[in-house]
N, C-alpha and C. Protein backbone atom coordinates (compact mmCIF):
# COMPACT_ATOMS: atom_id res chain seq x y z
N GLY A 1 101.49 81.10 95.61
CA GLY A 1 102.68 80.64 94.99
C GLY A 1 103.90 81.37 95.53
N ASN A 2 105.00 81.04 94.97
CA ASN A 2 106.25 81.65 95.37
C ASN A 2 106.49 82.94 94.61
N GLY A 3 107.73 83.35 94.46
CA GLY A 3 108.10 84.64 93.91
C GLY A 3 107.35 85.10 92.67
N HIS A 4 107.14 86.41 92.61
CA HIS A 4 106.47 87.02 91.47
C HIS A 4 107.33 88.07 90.78
N VAL A 5 108.33 88.61 91.50
CA VAL A 5 109.18 89.64 90.93
C VAL A 5 110.63 89.25 91.18
N TYR A 6 111.41 89.23 90.10
CA TYR A 6 112.81 88.84 90.17
C TYR A 6 113.67 89.94 89.56
N LYS A 7 114.92 90.02 90.04
CA LYS A 7 115.85 91.04 89.56
C LYS A 7 117.17 90.37 89.18
N SER A 8 117.74 90.81 88.08
CA SER A 8 119.05 90.34 87.66
C SER A 8 119.99 91.54 87.58
N THR A 9 121.21 91.36 88.08
CA THR A 9 122.22 92.42 87.98
C THR A 9 123.41 91.96 87.14
N ASP A 10 123.25 90.81 86.49
CA ASP A 10 124.34 90.28 85.66
C ASP A 10 123.88 89.89 84.26
N GLY A 11 122.96 90.68 83.72
CA GLY A 11 122.50 90.44 82.35
C GLY A 11 121.65 89.20 82.19
N GLY A 12 121.05 88.71 83.26
CA GLY A 12 120.16 87.57 83.16
C GLY A 12 120.80 86.22 83.45
N ALA A 13 122.07 86.20 83.85
CA ALA A 13 122.71 84.92 84.19
C ALA A 13 122.11 84.35 85.47
N THR A 14 121.81 85.21 86.44
CA THR A 14 121.16 84.78 87.68
C THR A 14 120.08 85.79 88.05
N PHE A 15 119.11 85.32 88.84
CA PHE A 15 118.03 86.17 89.28
C PHE A 15 117.83 86.04 90.78
N THR A 16 117.42 87.15 91.41
CA THR A 16 117.12 87.19 92.83
C THR A 16 115.64 87.51 93.00
N ASP A 17 114.97 86.76 93.85
CA ASP A 17 113.55 87.01 94.15
C ASP A 17 113.45 88.26 95.02
N ILE A 18 112.78 89.30 94.54
CA ILE A 18 112.58 90.54 95.30
C ILE A 18 111.10 90.75 95.62
N THR A 19 110.33 89.65 95.61
CA THR A 19 108.89 89.71 95.87
C THR A 19 108.60 90.26 97.26
N GLY A 20 109.37 89.84 98.26
CA GLY A 20 109.18 90.34 99.62
C GLY A 20 107.74 90.21 100.09
N ASN A 21 107.15 91.34 100.55
CA ASN A 21 105.79 91.34 101.09
C ASN A 21 104.72 91.64 100.04
N LEU A 22 105.06 91.54 98.76
CA LEU A 22 104.06 91.75 97.70
C LEU A 22 102.99 90.67 97.83
N PRO A 23 101.70 91.05 97.74
CA PRO A 23 100.63 90.05 97.85
C PRO A 23 100.82 88.92 96.83
N ASP A 24 100.32 87.74 97.18
CA ASP A 24 100.45 86.56 96.34
C ASP A 24 99.47 86.63 95.18
N ASN A 25 99.80 87.47 94.21
CA ASN A 25 99.02 87.66 92.98
C ASN A 25 99.99 87.83 91.83
N PRO A 26 99.54 87.55 90.61
CA PRO A 26 100.43 87.72 89.47
C PRO A 26 100.96 89.15 89.34
N ALA A 27 102.24 89.26 89.04
CA ALA A 27 102.86 90.55 88.71
C ALA A 27 102.88 90.63 87.19
N ASN A 28 102.25 91.66 86.63
CA ASN A 28 102.04 91.74 85.19
C ASN A 28 103.02 92.66 84.46
N TRP A 29 103.54 93.66 85.15
CA TRP A 29 104.40 94.64 84.49
C TRP A 29 105.21 95.36 85.56
N ALA A 30 106.39 95.83 85.21
CA ALA A 30 107.20 96.61 86.14
C ALA A 30 107.83 97.78 85.40
N VAL A 31 108.02 98.88 86.13
CA VAL A 31 108.67 100.06 85.56
C VAL A 31 109.40 100.78 86.69
N VAL A 32 110.54 101.38 86.35
CA VAL A 32 111.29 102.20 87.31
C VAL A 32 111.01 103.66 86.97
N ALA A 33 110.62 104.41 87.99
CA ALA A 33 110.37 105.85 87.82
C ALA A 33 110.78 106.56 89.10
N ASN A 34 111.49 107.66 88.97
CA ASN A 34 111.95 108.44 90.13
C ASN A 34 112.65 107.56 91.17
N SER A 35 113.45 106.63 90.71
CA SER A 35 114.24 105.71 91.56
C SER A 35 113.39 104.72 92.35
N HIS A 36 112.10 104.61 92.05
CA HIS A 36 111.21 103.65 92.70
C HIS A 36 110.87 102.56 91.69
N LEU A 37 110.62 101.36 92.19
CA LEU A 37 110.17 100.26 91.34
C LEU A 37 108.67 100.10 91.53
N PHE A 38 107.92 100.21 90.44
CA PHE A 38 106.47 100.05 90.45
C PHE A 38 106.13 98.72 89.78
N VAL A 39 105.18 97.98 90.36
CA VAL A 39 104.76 96.71 89.80
C VAL A 39 103.24 96.69 89.66
N ALA A 40 102.78 96.37 88.46
CA ALA A 40 101.35 96.20 88.20
C ALA A 40 100.98 94.76 88.52
N THR A 41 99.92 94.58 89.30
CA THR A 41 99.47 93.24 89.67
C THR A 41 97.99 93.08 89.32
N ASP A 42 97.47 91.92 89.64
CA ASP A 42 96.05 91.66 89.40
C ASP A 42 95.15 92.38 90.39
N ILE A 43 95.71 93.03 91.41
CA ILE A 43 94.90 93.75 92.39
C ILE A 43 95.33 95.21 92.56
N GLY A 44 96.12 95.72 91.64
CA GLY A 44 96.53 97.13 91.71
C GLY A 44 98.00 97.32 91.46
N VAL A 45 98.51 98.50 91.83
CA VAL A 45 99.90 98.87 91.60
C VAL A 45 100.60 99.04 92.94
N TYR A 46 101.77 98.44 93.05
CA TYR A 46 102.58 98.52 94.27
C TYR A 46 103.91 99.20 93.93
N VAL A 47 104.52 99.79 94.96
CA VAL A 47 105.77 100.51 94.78
C VAL A 47 106.75 100.12 95.87
N ALA A 48 108.01 100.00 95.48
CA ALA A 48 109.11 99.77 96.43
C ALA A 48 109.95 101.05 96.48
N PRO A 49 110.52 101.36 97.63
CA PRO A 49 111.27 102.61 97.76
C PRO A 49 112.55 102.65 96.93
N THR A 50 113.05 101.47 96.51
CA THR A 50 114.23 101.41 95.65
C THR A 50 113.99 100.35 94.59
N THR A 51 114.93 100.18 93.69
CA THR A 51 114.80 99.14 92.66
C THR A 51 115.15 97.76 93.21
N SER A 52 115.45 97.67 94.49
CA SER A 52 115.76 96.37 95.10
C SER A 52 114.52 95.62 95.55
N GLY A 53 113.33 96.27 95.50
CA GLY A 53 112.09 95.60 95.88
C GLY A 53 112.09 95.16 97.32
N GLY A 54 111.37 94.06 97.60
CA GLY A 54 111.34 93.49 98.94
C GLY A 54 110.32 94.09 99.87
N SER A 55 110.23 95.39 99.94
CA SER A 55 109.29 96.08 100.82
C SER A 55 108.34 96.90 99.96
N TRP A 56 107.09 96.47 99.87
CA TRP A 56 106.13 97.06 98.93
C TRP A 56 105.00 97.77 99.66
N SER A 57 104.51 98.84 99.05
CA SER A 57 103.33 99.57 99.51
C SER A 57 102.43 99.80 98.31
N LEU A 58 101.16 100.01 98.56
CA LEU A 58 100.27 100.41 97.47
C LEU A 58 100.72 101.76 96.95
N ALA A 59 100.63 101.96 95.67
CA ALA A 59 101.01 103.23 95.05
C ALA A 59 99.77 104.10 94.91
N GLY A 60 99.70 105.16 95.71
CA GLY A 60 98.60 106.11 95.61
C GLY A 60 97.29 105.56 96.15
N THR A 61 96.23 106.34 95.96
CA THR A 61 94.90 105.95 96.39
C THR A 61 93.93 106.18 95.23
N GLY A 62 92.79 105.53 95.29
CA GLY A 62 91.73 105.80 94.33
C GLY A 62 91.67 104.86 93.14
N LEU A 63 92.70 104.06 92.91
CA LEU A 63 92.67 103.11 91.80
C LEU A 63 91.76 101.96 92.19
N PRO A 64 90.78 101.60 91.34
CA PRO A 64 89.90 100.47 91.68
C PRO A 64 90.72 99.19 91.86
N ASN A 65 90.21 98.30 92.69
CA ASN A 65 90.85 97.00 92.90
C ASN A 65 90.61 96.17 91.64
N THR A 66 91.53 96.31 90.68
CA THR A 66 91.35 95.72 89.37
C THR A 66 92.70 95.30 88.80
N PRO A 67 92.72 94.32 87.90
CA PRO A 67 94.00 93.96 87.28
C PRO A 67 94.59 95.13 86.47
N VAL A 68 95.86 95.37 86.69
CA VAL A 68 96.59 96.38 85.92
C VAL A 68 97.61 95.62 85.08
N PHE A 69 97.53 95.80 83.77
CA PHE A 69 98.35 95.00 82.87
C PHE A 69 99.53 95.73 82.27
N THR A 70 99.56 97.04 82.36
CA THR A 70 100.72 97.76 81.84
C THR A 70 100.93 99.05 82.60
N LEU A 71 102.18 99.42 82.74
CA LEU A 71 102.57 100.69 83.36
C LEU A 71 103.56 101.37 82.43
N ARG A 72 103.45 102.68 82.34
CA ARG A 72 104.39 103.46 81.53
C ARG A 72 104.62 104.79 82.22
N VAL A 73 105.81 105.34 82.00
CA VAL A 73 106.07 106.71 82.39
C VAL A 73 105.62 107.55 81.21
N ALA A 74 104.86 108.61 81.46
CA ALA A 74 104.31 109.43 80.39
C ALA A 74 105.42 110.06 79.57
N PRO A 75 105.32 110.00 78.26
CA PRO A 75 106.32 110.66 77.41
C PRO A 75 106.36 112.16 77.72
N GLY A 76 107.55 112.67 77.98
CA GLY A 76 107.69 114.10 78.25
C GLY A 76 107.40 114.50 79.69
N ASN A 77 106.98 113.55 80.54
CA ASN A 77 106.70 113.88 81.94
C ASN A 77 107.14 112.71 82.83
N PRO A 78 108.37 112.73 83.33
CA PRO A 78 108.87 111.61 84.13
C PRO A 78 108.18 111.48 85.49
N ASN A 79 107.32 112.42 85.84
CA ASN A 79 106.61 112.37 87.12
C ASN A 79 105.17 111.88 86.99
N LEU A 80 104.79 111.38 85.81
CA LEU A 80 103.43 110.90 85.60
C LEU A 80 103.47 109.44 85.18
N LEU A 81 102.84 108.61 85.99
CA LEU A 81 102.77 107.18 85.72
C LEU A 81 101.41 106.87 85.09
N LEU A 82 101.41 106.12 84.02
CA LEU A 82 100.18 105.71 83.33
C LEU A 82 99.94 104.23 83.58
N ALA A 83 98.71 103.87 83.89
CA ALA A 83 98.35 102.47 84.14
C ALA A 83 97.19 102.07 83.26
N GLY A 84 97.34 100.94 82.60
CA GLY A 84 96.27 100.37 81.79
C GLY A 84 95.65 99.20 82.52
N THR A 85 94.35 99.27 82.77
CA THR A 85 93.66 98.23 83.53
C THR A 85 92.83 97.35 82.61
N TYR A 86 92.34 96.28 83.18
CA TYR A 86 91.42 95.41 82.46
C TYR A 86 90.01 95.80 82.85
N GLY A 87 89.31 96.48 81.97
CA GLY A 87 87.91 96.82 82.19
C GLY A 87 87.63 98.10 82.95
N ARG A 88 88.65 98.79 83.45
CA ARG A 88 88.41 100.03 84.21
C ARG A 88 89.10 101.23 83.59
N GLY A 89 89.61 101.10 82.38
CA GLY A 89 90.19 102.22 81.65
C GLY A 89 91.64 102.50 82.00
N ALA A 90 92.09 103.66 81.58
CA ALA A 90 93.46 104.11 81.83
C ALA A 90 93.47 105.10 82.99
N TRP A 91 94.50 105.02 83.82
CA TRP A 91 94.62 105.84 85.02
C TRP A 91 95.99 106.49 85.06
N THR A 92 96.08 107.63 85.73
CA THR A 92 97.37 108.31 85.89
C THR A 92 97.65 108.55 87.37
N LEU A 93 98.93 108.61 87.70
CA LEU A 93 99.36 108.90 89.06
C LEU A 93 100.53 109.88 88.98
N ASP A 94 100.37 111.05 89.59
CA ASP A 94 101.46 112.02 89.67
C ASP A 94 102.39 111.58 90.79
N ILE A 95 103.62 111.22 90.45
CA ILE A 95 104.55 110.70 91.44
C ILE A 95 105.59 111.74 91.85
N THR A 96 105.31 113.02 91.57
CA THR A 96 106.24 114.09 91.92
C THR A 96 106.59 114.08 93.40
N ASN A 97 105.59 113.99 94.27
CA ASN A 97 105.79 114.07 95.71
C ASN A 97 105.54 112.74 96.41
N LEU A 98 105.71 111.65 95.69
CA LEU A 98 105.46 110.33 96.26
C LEU A 98 106.44 110.04 97.39
N VAL A 99 105.90 109.66 98.52
CA VAL A 99 106.71 109.25 99.67
C VAL A 99 106.36 107.79 99.95
N VAL A 100 107.35 106.93 99.88
CA VAL A 100 107.11 105.50 100.09
C VAL A 100 107.56 105.16 101.50
N VAL A 101 106.64 104.59 102.26
CA VAL A 101 106.91 104.20 103.64
C VAL A 101 106.76 102.69 103.74
N ALA A 102 107.72 102.04 104.35
CA ALA A 102 107.63 100.59 104.52
C ALA A 102 106.43 100.25 105.40
N PRO A 103 105.65 99.25 105.02
CA PRO A 103 104.47 98.88 105.83
C PRO A 103 104.88 98.30 107.18
N GLU A 104 104.04 98.53 108.19
CA GLU A 104 104.32 97.98 109.52
C GLU A 104 103.90 96.51 109.60
N ALA A 105 102.96 96.12 108.76
CA ALA A 105 102.49 94.74 108.75
C ALA A 105 102.47 94.26 107.30
N PRO A 106 102.50 92.95 107.10
CA PRO A 106 102.44 92.44 105.73
C PRO A 106 101.18 92.92 105.01
N LEU A 107 101.31 93.19 103.73
CA LEU A 107 100.15 93.60 102.94
C LEU A 107 99.22 92.42 102.77
N ALA A 108 97.93 92.66 102.82
CA ALA A 108 96.95 91.59 102.66
C ALA A 108 96.16 91.84 101.38
N ALA A 109 96.10 90.86 100.54
CA ALA A 109 95.43 90.99 99.25
C ALA A 109 93.93 91.21 99.39
N ILE A 110 93.34 90.83 100.53
CA ILE A 110 91.89 90.93 100.66
C ILE A 110 91.43 92.31 101.12
N LEU A 111 92.35 93.17 101.54
CA LEU A 111 91.94 94.50 101.98
C LEU A 111 91.68 95.40 100.79
N PRO A 112 90.67 96.27 100.86
CA PRO A 112 90.44 97.20 99.76
C PRO A 112 91.62 98.16 99.61
N LEU A 113 91.82 98.65 98.39
CA LEU A 113 92.96 99.50 98.09
C LEU A 113 93.11 100.65 99.06
N SER A 114 92.06 101.38 99.34
CA SER A 114 92.19 102.59 100.14
C SER A 114 92.53 102.30 101.59
N SER A 115 92.24 101.11 102.10
CA SER A 115 92.46 100.85 103.51
C SER A 115 93.92 100.58 103.85
N ILE A 116 94.75 100.24 102.86
CA ILE A 116 96.15 99.98 103.17
C ILE A 116 97.09 100.89 102.38
N ALA A 117 96.55 101.96 101.83
CA ALA A 117 97.39 102.92 101.12
C ALA A 117 98.25 103.66 102.13
N ILE A 118 99.55 103.63 101.94
CA ILE A 118 100.44 104.26 102.91
C ILE A 118 101.44 105.17 102.24
N VAL A 119 101.04 105.80 101.17
CA VAL A 119 101.90 106.78 100.52
C VAL A 119 101.41 108.17 100.91
N GLY A 120 102.29 109.14 100.81
CA GLY A 120 102.01 110.44 101.41
C GLY A 120 101.20 111.40 100.58
N GLY A 121 100.71 112.41 101.28
CA GLY A 121 100.10 113.58 100.68
C GLY A 121 98.89 113.30 99.82
N ALA A 122 98.73 114.14 98.81
CA ALA A 122 97.58 114.07 97.91
C ALA A 122 97.91 113.25 96.68
N VAL A 123 98.62 112.16 96.86
CA VAL A 123 98.99 111.30 95.73
C VAL A 123 97.83 110.36 95.47
N ALA A 124 97.10 110.60 94.41
CA ALA A 124 95.92 109.78 94.13
C ALA A 124 95.84 109.49 92.64
N TRP A 125 95.33 108.31 92.33
CA TRP A 125 95.12 107.93 90.94
C TRP A 125 93.97 108.75 90.37
N ARG A 126 94.06 109.09 89.12
CA ARG A 126 93.01 109.81 88.40
C ARG A 126 92.68 109.05 87.13
N ARG A 127 91.40 108.95 86.85
CA ARG A 127 91.00 108.31 85.60
C ARG A 127 91.39 109.23 84.45
N ARG A 128 92.03 108.67 83.46
CA ARG A 128 92.48 109.47 82.33
C ARG A 128 91.29 109.79 81.45
N SER A 129 91.10 111.07 81.16
CA SER A 129 89.96 111.47 80.33
C SER A 129 90.31 111.32 78.87
N ARG A 130 89.30 111.13 78.09
CA ARG A 130 89.51 110.99 76.65
C ARG A 130 89.74 112.35 76.02
N ALA A 131 90.53 112.34 74.99
CA ALA A 131 90.75 113.57 74.24
C ALA A 131 89.48 113.92 73.49
N PRO A 132 89.20 115.22 73.31
CA PRO A 132 88.00 115.58 72.55
C PRO A 132 88.09 115.05 71.11
N ARG A 133 86.96 114.65 70.61
CA ARG A 133 86.94 114.13 69.23
C ARG A 133 87.10 115.25 68.23
N GLN A 134 87.87 114.98 67.22
CA GLN A 134 88.07 115.93 66.12
C GLN A 134 86.93 115.75 65.13
N THR A 135 86.30 116.85 64.73
CA THR A 135 85.21 116.73 63.74
C THR A 135 85.60 117.37 62.44
């Protein structure tokens, strides 16, 4: 299909398609953190270097290729992104040292997450552990 992510700068009177090279999959949620735009899709989380979108990369490594339905910035920690998936639990990504690099080729939805991850350093998704039960 056509566009999946749109941006308005006039209170919703008009919208601009900023889908760019985002894979042709539903975009389920978006959040701005550390001046980057993150989008949850049916095949993972993508990030644009600015809030203008258009040029997307996978956000981090290690997140299963699964639908992500919600993204949040952790309360009290603007450098921690929380992702809620369908069937694979909750995941976190430390975005303190996130480096977003524009892809050299269009992103392909059929490639596994780890093979096209192009963000820097040790930025990896972690499965969120459950809090100990109170007895």
